[in-house]
Amino acid sequence: MNATERPVLSPCVNICALDEDDICTGCQRTVEEITRWSRMDNEERRRVLGLCHERAKSSGLIWMLPSRSDS
């Protein structure tokens, strides 16, 4: 992380409960990702956020509307 870049913020939404796969139902991080977050650099944090987004889409928590150009 360079000196001018701020740390990527945690995706925690204070809904801390693990599902049957040990994924947090609030932020979609694994236990390992949650415990390592404070030691991750921004690049790794961004990668984890991408994984969280994919997990949320896969589980149906979020869904994507097609863009206007797709219709």
C-alpha atoms as a PDB file:
ATOM      1  CA  MET A   1       0.000   0.000   0.000  1.00  0.00           C
ATOM      2  CA  ASN A   2       1.420   3.377  -0.912  1.00  0.00           C
ATOM      3  CA  ALA A   3       1.545   6.221   1.598  1.00  0.00           C
ATOM      4  CA  THR A   4      -1.392   8.137   0.065  1.00  0.00           C
ATOM      5  CA  GLU A   5      -3.775   5.199  -0.275  1.00  0.00           C
ATOM      6  CA  ARG A   6      -6.300   4.676   2.500  1.00  0.00           C
ATOM      7  CA  PRO A   7      -6.959   1.161   3.794  1.00  0.00           C
ATOM      8  CA  VAL A   8      -9.836  -0.630   2.087  1.00  0.00           C
ATOM      9  CA  LEU A   9     -12.680  -0.701   4.603  1.00  0.00           C
ATOM     10  CA  SER A  10     -14.044  -3.906   6.043  1.00  0.00           C
ATOM     11  CA  PRO A  11     -17.317  -5.150   4.539  1.00  0.00           C
ATOM     12  CA  CYS A  12     -18.612  -5.995   8.025  1.00  0.00           C
ATOM     13  CA  VAL A  13     -22.274  -5.017   8.478  1.00  0.00           C
ATOM     14  CA  ASN A  14     -22.537  -6.229  12.104  1.00  0.00           C
ATOM     15  CA  ILE A  15     -24.600  -9.275  11.161  1.00  0.00           C
ATOM     16  CA  CYS A  16     -22.104 -11.812  12.378  1.00  0.00           C
ATOM     17  CA  ALA A  17     -23.397 -15.349  11.932  1.00  0.00           C
ATOM     18  CA  LEU A  18     -21.783 -18.223  10.085  1.00  0.00           C
ATOM     19  CA  ASP A  19     -23.711 -20.421   7.686  1.00  0.00           C
ATOM     20  CA  GLU A  20     -23.173 -24.178   7.267  1.00  0.00           C
ATOM     21  CA  ASP A  21     -20.126 -23.462   5.066  1.00  0.00           C
ATOM     22  CA  ASP A  22     -18.552 -21.134   7.681  1.00  0.00           C
ATOM     23  CA  ILE A  23     -19.296 -18.052   5.565  1.00  0.00           C
ATOM     24  CA  CYS A  24     -20.520 -14.964   7.415  1.00  0.00           C
ATOM     25  CA  THR A  25     -24.142 -14.293   6.420  1.00  0.00           C
ATOM     26  CA  GLY A  26     -23.571 -10.549   6.810  1.00  0.00           C
ATOM     27  CA  CYS A  27     -20.374  -9.813   4.889  1.00  0.00           C
ATOM     28  CA  GLN A  28     -19.888 -13.102   2.987  1.00  0.00           C
ATOM     29  CA  ARG A  29     -16.303 -13.552   4.204  1.00  0.00           C
ATOM     30  CA  THR A  30     -14.858 -16.836   5.395  1.00  0.00           C
ATOM     31  CA  VAL A  31     -13.633 -17.143   8.975  1.00  0.00           C
ATOM     32  CA  GLU A  32     -10.054 -17.064   7.687  1.00  0.00           C
ATOM     33  CA  GLU A  33     -10.711 -13.887   5.684  1.00  0.00           C
ATOM     34  CA  ILE A  34     -12.305 -12.204   8.699  1.00  0.00           C
ATOM     35  CA  THR A  35      -9.443 -13.051  11.040  1.00  0.00           C
ATOM     36  CA  ARG A  36      -6.748 -12.049   8.515  1.00  0.00           C
ATOM     37  CA  TRP A  37      -8.414  -8.799   7.352  1.00  0.00           C
ATOM     38  CA  SER A  38      -6.339  -6.497   9.575  1.00  0.00           C
ATOM     39  CA  ARG A  39      -3.122  -8.024   8.218  1.00  0.00           C
ATOM     40  CA  MET A  40      -4.117  -7.910   4.527  1.00  0.00           C
ATOM     41  CA  ASP A  41      -2.842  -5.276   2.132  1.00  0.00           C
ATOM     42  CA  ASN A  42      -5.325  -3.390  -0.044  1.00  0.00           C
ATOM     43  CA  GLU A  43      -4.770  -5.640  -3.040  1.00  0.00           C
ATOM     44  CA  GLU A  44      -5.716  -8.724  -1.042  1.00  0.00           C
ATOM     45  CA  ARG A  45      -8.665  -6.907   0.556  1.00  0.00           C
ATOM     46  CA  ARG A  46      -9.995  -5.995  -2.902  1.00  0.00           C
ATOM     47  CA  ARG A  47      -9.635  -9.604  -3.993  1.00  0.00           C
ATOM     48  CA  VAL A  48     -11.590 -10.746  -0.921  1.00  0.00           C
ATOM     49  CA  LEU A  49     -14.308  -8.152  -1.605  1.00  0.00           C
ATOM     50  CA  GLY A  50     -14.641  -9.576  -5.111  1.00  0.00           C
ATOM     51  CA  LEU A  51     -15.013 -13.069  -3.661  1.00  0.00           C
ATOM     52  CA  CYS A  52     -17.637 -11.778  -1.214  1.00  0.00           C
ATOM     53  CA  HIS A  53     -19.576 -10.243  -4.107  1.00  0.00           C
ATOM     54  CA  GLU A  54     -19.461 -13.517  -6.046  1.00  0.00           C
ATOM     55  CA  ARG A  55     -20.601 -15.478  -2.977  1.00  0.00           C
ATOM     56  CA  ALA A  56     -23.503 -13.082  -2.446  1.00  0.00           C
ATOM     57  CA  LYS A  57     -24.548 -13.455  -6.103  1.00  0.00           C
ATOM     58  CA  SER A  58     -24.224 -17.255  -5.982  1.00  0.00           C
ATOM     59  CA  SER A  59     -26.322 -17.502  -2.832  1.00  0.00           C
ATOM     60  CA  GLY A  60     -29.048 -15.240  -4.221  1.00  0.00           C
ATOM     61  CA  LEU A  61     -28.416 -12.462  -1.699  1.00  0.00           C
ATOM     62  CA  ILE A  62     -27.859 -10.042  -4.549  1.00  0.00           C
ATOM     63  CA  TRP A  63     -28.773 -10.240  -8.181  1.00  0.00           C
ATOM     64  CA  MET A  64     -27.734  -8.157 -11.085  1.00  0.00           C
ATOM     65  CA  LEU A  65     -30.135  -6.342 -13.384  1.00  0.00           C
ATOM     66  CA  PRO A  66     -29.094  -6.359 -17.014  1.00  0.00           C
ATOM     67  CA  SER A  67     -27.761  -3.051 -18.211  1.00  0.00           C
ATOM     68  CA  ARG A  68     -29.933  -1.145 -20.664  1.00  0.00           C
ATOM     69  CA  SER A  69     -27.554  -2.052 -23.481  1.00  0.00           C
ATOM     70  CA  ASP A  70     -28.162  -5.777 -22.762  1.00  0.00           C
ATOM     71  CA  SER A  71     -31.884  -5.576 -23.506  1.00  0.00           C
END
